[in-house]
Amino acid sequence: MEDETTALEGGQQWDLAKVGARWQQELERAERYFRSWHDRCVKIEKIYLDQQSDQTNAAKRRFPMLWANTSVLQPAVYARVPQPVVERRFKDAQPVARMASELVERNLAYNRSEPRRS
């Protein structure tokens, strides 16, 4: 199979294999960077769902305090559906930036209102 290259408008050639390898390295680097955070999240999720592995004895009854506290707060958090707000950092007269922020805000509102398709 030939070495796949893609020509861009400026005449630049991109080797797709090299680009793919570069992104694979970046993904692996990100996984290593976030591994401790992910492990901590898994532990917190187990506590939340009360799925501790040290519960071998059925007589150990524990009250899922994290779940209870979170469940009590859910109505306050979800009382109103959040509305997306996209603002420009610099409010100078740039019509392209204004339209881009408006498009992103409308896109978020539309995606929030549409049912998810699997």
N, C-alpha and C. Protein backbone atom coordinates (compact mmCIF):
# COMPACT_ATOMS: atom_id res chain seq x y z
N MET A 1 0.84 -1.18 0.00
CA MET A 1 0.00 0.00 0.00
C MET A 1 0.88 1.24 0.00
N GLU A 2 0.51 2.21 -0.76
CA GLU A 2 1.29 3.43 -0.87
C GLU A 2 1.24 4.23 0.42
N ASP A 3 2.23 5.05 0.60
CA ASP A 3 2.26 5.95 1.74
C ASP A 3 1.20 7.03 1.51
N GLU A 4 0.19 7.06 2.38
CA GLU A 4 -0.93 7.99 2.17
C GLU A 4 -0.52 9.41 2.56
N THR A 5 -0.74 10.34 1.65
CA THR A 5 -0.50 11.74 1.93
C THR A 5 -1.72 12.52 1.48
N THR A 6 -1.91 13.65 2.13
CA THR A 6 -3.04 14.51 1.80
C THR A 6 -2.50 15.89 1.48
N ALA A 7 -2.95 16.45 0.36
CA ALA A 7 -2.52 17.78 -0.04
C ALA A 7 -3.51 18.80 0.49
N LEU A 8 -3.00 19.85 1.11
CA LEU A 8 -3.83 20.93 1.59
C LEU A 8 -3.83 22.06 0.56
N GLU A 9 -4.64 23.07 0.82
CA GLU A 9 -4.78 24.18 -0.13
C GLU A 9 -3.45 24.89 -0.37
N GLY A 10 -2.63 25.03 0.64
CA GLY A 10 -1.37 25.73 0.49
C GLY A 10 -0.29 24.90 -0.17
N GLY A 11 -0.62 23.69 -0.60
CA GLY A 11 0.36 22.83 -1.23
C GLY A 11 1.14 21.98 -0.25
N GLN A 12 0.81 22.07 1.04
CA GLN A 12 1.50 21.26 2.04
C GLN A 12 1.05 19.81 1.93
N GLN A 13 1.96 18.91 2.21
CA GLN A 13 1.65 17.49 2.21
C GLN A 13 1.66 16.99 3.66
N TRP A 14 0.63 16.25 4.02
CA TRP A 14 0.54 15.67 5.36
C TRP A 14 0.57 14.16 5.22
N ASP A 15 1.46 13.54 5.93
CA ASP A 15 1.52 12.08 5.96
C ASP A 15 0.53 11.60 7.02
N LEU A 16 -0.52 10.94 6.59
CA LEU A 16 -1.58 10.54 7.51
C LEU A 16 -1.10 9.56 8.57
N ALA A 17 -0.15 8.71 8.24
CA ALA A 17 0.38 7.77 9.22
C ALA A 17 1.10 8.51 10.35
N LYS A 18 1.88 9.54 9.98
CA LYS A 18 2.59 10.31 10.99
C LYS A 18 1.63 11.12 11.85
N VAL A 19 0.62 11.69 11.22
CA VAL A 19 -0.37 12.46 11.97
C VAL A 19 -1.12 11.55 12.94
N GLY A 20 -1.50 10.36 12.46
CA GLY A 20 -2.19 9.40 13.32
C GLY A 20 -1.33 8.95 14.48
N ALA A 21 -0.04 8.69 14.21
CA ALA A 21 0.87 8.27 15.27
C ALA A 21 1.05 9.38 16.30
N ARG A 22 1.11 10.61 15.83
CA ARG A 22 1.26 11.75 16.75
C ARG A 22 0.05 11.85 17.67
N TRP A 23 -1.16 11.71 17.11
CA TRP A 23 -2.37 11.80 17.94
C TRP A 23 -2.48 10.61 18.89
N GLN A 24 -2.02 9.46 18.47
CA GLN A 24 -2.02 8.29 19.35
C GLN A 24 -1.10 8.54 20.55
N GLN A 25 0.07 9.14 20.30
CA GLN A 25 0.98 9.48 21.39
C GLN A 25 0.35 10.49 22.34
N GLU A 26 -0.35 11.47 21.79
CA GLU A 26 -0.99 12.48 22.63
C GLU A 26 -2.08 11.85 23.50
N LEU A 27 -2.85 10.93 22.92
CA LEU A 27 -3.90 10.26 23.70
C LEU A 27 -3.30 9.42 24.82
N GLU A 28 -2.23 8.70 24.54
CA GLU A 28 -1.57 7.90 25.56
C GLU A 28 -0.99 8.79 26.65
N ARG A 29 -0.43 9.92 26.27
CA ARG A 29 0.12 10.86 27.24
C ARG A 29 -0.98 11.41 28.14
N ALA A 30 -2.13 11.72 27.55
CA ALA A 30 -3.26 12.22 28.33
C ALA A 30 -3.78 11.15 29.29
N GLU A 31 -3.81 9.90 28.84
CA GLU A 31 -4.25 8.82 29.73
C GLU A 31 -3.32 8.68 30.92
N ARG A 32 -2.02 8.77 30.70
CA ARG A 32 -1.06 8.69 31.81
C ARG A 32 -1.24 9.87 32.75
N TYR A 33 -1.46 11.06 32.19
CA TYR A 33 -1.59 12.27 33.00
C TYR A 33 -2.82 12.20 33.90
N PHE A 34 -3.94 11.69 33.36
CA PHE A 34 -5.19 11.68 34.10
C PHE A 34 -5.47 10.37 34.83
N ARG A 35 -4.52 9.43 34.83
CA ARG A 35 -4.76 8.13 35.45
C ARG A 35 -5.09 8.26 36.93
N SER A 36 -4.34 9.04 37.69
CA SER A 36 -4.61 9.17 39.13
C SER A 36 -5.97 9.82 39.38
N TRP A 37 -6.31 10.80 38.56
CA TRP A 37 -7.62 11.44 38.69
C TRP A 37 -8.74 10.44 38.40
N HIS A 38 -8.56 9.64 37.36
CA HIS A 38 -9.56 8.64 37.00
C HIS A 38 -9.71 7.59 38.10
N ASP A 39 -8.59 7.14 38.67
CA ASP A 39 -8.65 6.16 39.75
C ASP A 39 -9.39 6.73 40.96
N ARG A 40 -9.15 7.99 41.25
CA ARG A 40 -9.85 8.64 42.37
C ARG A 40 -11.35 8.73 42.08
N CYS A 41 -11.71 9.03 40.85
CA CYS A 41 -13.13 9.10 40.48
C CYS A 41 -13.80 7.74 40.61
N VAL A 42 -13.09 6.68 40.25
CA VAL A 42 -13.66 5.33 40.39
C VAL A 42 -13.91 5.02 41.86
N LYS A 43 -12.97 5.39 42.73
CA LYS A 43 -13.16 5.16 44.17
C LYS A 43 -14.36 5.94 44.69
N ILE A 44 -14.49 7.19 44.28
CA ILE A 44 -15.63 8.00 44.72
C ILE A 44 -16.93 7.41 44.21
N GLU A 45 -16.93 6.93 42.99
CA GLU A 45 -18.15 6.33 42.44
C GLU A 45 -18.53 5.07 43.21
N LYS A 46 -17.54 4.27 43.61
CA LYS A 46 -17.83 3.08 44.41
C LYS A 46 -18.41 3.46 45.76
N ILE A 47 -17.88 4.52 46.36
CA ILE A 47 -18.44 4.99 47.62
C ILE A 47 -19.86 5.46 47.42
N TYR A 48 -20.09 6.21 46.35
CA TYR A 48 -21.43 6.73 46.06
C TYR A 48 -22.43 5.61 45.85
N LEU A 49 -22.04 4.59 45.11
CA LEU A 49 -22.94 3.47 44.83
C LEU A 49 -22.89 2.40 45.92
N ASP A 50 -22.07 2.63 46.94
CA ASP A 50 -21.92 1.71 48.07
C ASP A 50 -21.51 0.33 47.59
N GLN A 51 -20.49 0.27 46.77
CA GLN A 51 -19.98 -0.99 46.24
C GLN A 51 -18.56 -1.25 46.75
N GLN A 52 -18.35 -1.05 48.02
CA GLN A 52 -17.02 -1.26 48.57
C GLN A 52 -16.66 -2.74 48.53
N SER A 53 -15.44 -3.05 48.17
CA SER A 53 -15.01 -4.44 48.07
C SER A 53 -14.73 -5.05 49.45
N ASP A 54 -14.59 -4.23 50.49
CA ASP A 54 -14.29 -4.76 51.82
C ASP A 54 -15.54 -5.21 52.57
N GLN A 55 -16.69 -5.19 51.95
CA GLN A 55 -17.93 -5.60 52.61
C GLN A 55 -18.17 -7.08 52.38
N THR A 56 -17.38 -7.92 53.01
CA THR A 56 -17.56 -9.35 52.87
C THR A 56 -18.61 -9.87 53.83
N ASN A 57 -18.77 -9.22 54.96
CA ASN A 57 -19.72 -9.66 55.97
C ASN A 57 -21.08 -9.02 55.69
N ALA A 58 -22.11 -9.83 55.60
CA ALA A 58 -23.45 -9.31 55.33
C ALA A 58 -23.99 -8.52 56.52
N ALA A 59 -23.42 -8.74 57.70
CA ALA A 59 -23.89 -8.03 58.89
C ALA A 59 -23.47 -6.56 58.88
N LYS A 60 -22.49 -6.23 58.08
CA LYS A 60 -22.05 -4.83 58.00
C LYS A 60 -23.07 -4.04 57.21
N ARG A 61 -23.84 -3.26 57.88
CA ARG A 61 -24.82 -2.41 57.20
C ARG A 61 -24.32 -0.98 57.33
N ARG A 62 -24.20 -0.35 56.21
CA ARG A 62 -23.72 1.02 56.20
C ARG A 62 -24.74 1.89 55.51
N PHE A 63 -24.83 3.11 55.98
CA PHE A 63 -25.74 4.07 55.37
C PHE A 63 -24.98 4.82 54.28
N PRO A 64 -25.49 4.85 53.06
CA PRO A 64 -24.78 5.55 51.97
C PRO A 64 -24.94 7.06 52.09
N MET A 65 -24.13 7.67 52.92
CA MET A 65 -24.25 9.10 53.24
C MET A 65 -24.01 9.98 52.01
N LEU A 66 -23.03 9.66 51.20
CA LEU A 66 -22.76 10.48 50.01
C LEU A 66 -23.95 10.46 49.07
N TRP A 67 -24.53 9.28 48.85
CA TRP A 67 -25.70 9.16 47.99
C TRP A 67 -26.87 9.95 48.57
N ALA A 68 -27.09 9.83 49.87
CA ALA A 68 -28.21 10.52 50.51
C ALA A 68 -28.06 12.04 50.40
N ASN A 69 -26.88 12.54 50.68
CA ASN A 69 -26.66 13.98 50.60
C ASN A 69 -26.82 14.49 49.18
N THR A 70 -26.34 13.74 48.21
CA THR A 70 -26.46 14.15 46.81
C THR A 70 -27.92 14.10 46.37
N SER A 71 -28.64 13.08 46.78
CA SER A 71 -30.05 12.95 46.39
C SER A 71 -30.90 14.07 46.96
N VAL A 72 -30.57 14.53 48.15
CA VAL A 72 -31.32 15.63 48.75
C VAL A 72 -31.11 16.92 47.96
N LEU A 73 -29.93 17.11 47.40
CA LEU A 73 -29.62 18.33 46.67
C LEU A 73 -30.08 18.33 45.22
N GLN A 74 -30.43 17.18 44.67
CA GLN A 74 -30.80 17.11 43.26
C GLN A 74 -31.96 18.02 42.88
N PRO A 75 -33.06 18.09 43.64
CA PRO A 75 -34.14 18.99 43.23
C PRO A 75 -33.71 20.45 43.15
N ALA A 76 -32.81 20.86 44.04
CA ALA A 76 -32.35 22.25 44.00
C ALA A 76 -31.49 22.50 42.76
N VAL A 77 -30.69 21.52 42.39
CA VAL A 77 -29.81 21.69 41.23
C VAL A 77 -30.60 21.64 39.93
N TYR A 78 -31.58 20.73 39.87
CA TYR A 78 -32.31 20.52 38.63
C TYR A 78 -33.69 21.16 38.64
N ALA A 79 -33.92 22.17 39.47
CA ALA A 79 -35.22 22.83 39.52
C ALA A 79 -35.53 23.50 38.19
N ARG A 80 -34.54 24.13 37.61
CA ARG A 80 -34.71 24.75 36.29
C ARG A 80 -33.66 24.19 35.35
N VAL A 81 -34.04 24.05 34.11
CA VAL A 81 -33.08 23.58 33.11
C VAL A 81 -32.07 24.70 32.85
N PRO A 82 -30.79 24.40 32.92
CA PRO A 82 -29.79 25.45 32.70
C PRO A 82 -29.83 25.97 31.27
N GLN A 83 -29.65 27.26 31.13
CA GLN A 83 -29.63 27.91 29.83
C GLN A 83 -28.17 28.20 29.45
N PRO A 84 -27.76 27.80 28.26
CA PRO A 84 -26.38 28.07 27.85
C PRO A 84 -26.16 29.56 27.60
N VAL A 85 -25.02 30.05 28.05
CA VAL A 85 -24.64 31.44 27.83
C VAL A 85 -23.22 31.43 27.27
N VAL A 86 -23.07 31.94 26.07
CA VAL A 86 -21.75 32.03 25.43
C VAL A 86 -21.47 33.49 25.20
N GLU A 87 -20.41 33.99 25.84
CA GLU A 87 -20.05 35.40 25.70
C GLU A 87 -18.64 35.50 25.15
N ARG A 88 -18.41 36.57 24.44
CA ARG A 88 -17.06 36.84 23.94
C ARG A 88 -16.22 37.42 25.06
N ARG A 89 -14.96 37.08 25.06
CA ARG A 89 -14.07 37.61 26.08
C ARG A 89 -13.84 39.11 25.88
N PHE A 90 -13.65 39.50 24.63
CA PHE A 90 -13.42 40.91 24.31
C PHE A 90 -14.65 41.42 23.57
N LYS A 91 -15.29 42.43 24.09
CA LYS A 91 -16.56 42.91 23.55
C LYS A 91 -16.36 44.01 22.51
N ASP A 92 -15.30 43.93 21.73
CA ASP A 92 -15.09 44.92 20.69
C ASP A 92 -15.96 44.60 19.48
N ALA A 93 -16.00 45.51 18.54
CA ALA A 93 -16.90 45.39 17.39
C ALA A 93 -16.31 44.43 16.35
N GLN A 94 -16.50 43.15 16.58
CA GLN A 94 -16.07 42.13 15.63
C GLN A 94 -17.28 41.29 15.27
N PRO A 95 -17.85 41.53 14.10
CA PRO A 95 -19.08 40.81 13.75
C PRO A 95 -18.88 39.30 13.63
N VAL A 96 -17.70 38.85 13.22
CA VAL A 96 -17.46 37.42 13.09
C VAL A 96 -17.48 36.76 14.47
N ALA A 97 -16.82 37.38 15.44
CA ALA A 97 -16.80 36.82 16.79
C ALA A 97 -18.19 36.84 17.41
N ARG A 98 -18.95 37.90 17.16
CA ARG A 98 -20.31 37.99 17.69
C ARG A 98 -21.17 36.88 17.11
N MET A 99 -21.08 36.66 15.80
CA MET A 99 -21.87 35.62 15.16
C MET A 99 -21.43 34.23 15.62
N ALA A 100 -20.13 34.04 15.80
CA ALA A 100 -19.64 32.73 16.25
C ALA A 100 -20.16 32.41 17.64
N SER A 101 -20.13 33.38 18.55
CA SER A 101 -20.64 33.12 19.90
C SER A 101 -22.14 32.88 19.87
N GLU A 102 -22.85 33.59 19.03
CA GLU A 102 -24.29 33.38 18.92
C GLU A 102 -24.60 32.00 18.34
N LEU A 103 -23.83 31.57 17.35
CA LEU A 103 -24.02 30.24 16.77
C LEU A 103 -23.75 29.14 17.80
N VAL A 104 -22.69 29.28 18.57
CA VAL A 104 -22.38 28.28 19.59
C VAL A 104 -23.49 28.23 20.64
N GLU A 105 -23.97 29.39 21.06
CA GLU A 105 -25.04 29.43 22.06
C GLU A 105 -26.32 28.78 21.53
N ARG A 106 -26.67 29.08 20.30
CA ARG A 106 -27.87 28.47 19.71
C ARG A 106 -27.70 26.97 19.52
N ASN A 107 -26.51 26.55 19.14
CA ASN A 107 -26.24 25.12 18.97
C ASN A 107 -26.39 24.39 20.30
N LEU A 108 -25.85 24.96 21.36
CA LEU A 108 -25.98 24.34 22.68
C LEU A 108 -27.44 24.26 23.11
N ALA A 109 -28.19 25.33 22.87
CA ALA A 109 -29.61 25.33 23.25
C ALA A 109 -30.37 24.28 22.44
N TYR A 110 -30.06 24.16 21.17
CA TYR A 110 -30.75 23.18 20.32
C TYR A 110 -30.41 21.75 20.76
N ASN A 111 -29.12 21.49 20.99
CA ASN A 111 -28.72 20.14 21.40
C ASN A 111 -29.29 19.76 22.76
N ARG A 112 -29.49 20.73 23.63
CA ARG A 112 -30.08 20.47 24.94
C ARG A 112 -31.55 20.11 24.80
N SER A 113 -32.25 20.74 23.86
CA SER A 113 -33.68 20.53 23.73
C SER A 113 -34.03 19.28 22.92
N GLU A 114 -33.13 18.84 22.06
CA GLU A 114 -33.40 17.66 21.23
C GLU A 114 -33.17 16.38 22.03
N PRO A 115 -34.02 15.37 21.84
CA PRO A 115 -33.77 14.09 22.52
C PRO A 115 -32.54 13.41 21.93
N ARG A 116 -31.82 12.69 22.77
CA ARG A 116 -30.59 12.02 22.32
C ARG A 116 -30.93 10.84 21.43
N ARG A 117 -30.15 10.72 20.38
CA ARG A 117 -30.27 9.57 19.48
C ARG A 117 -29.07 8.67 19.70
N SER A 118 -29.31 7.40 19.77
CA SER A 118 -28.18 6.48 19.99
C SER A 118 -27.70 5.84 18.73
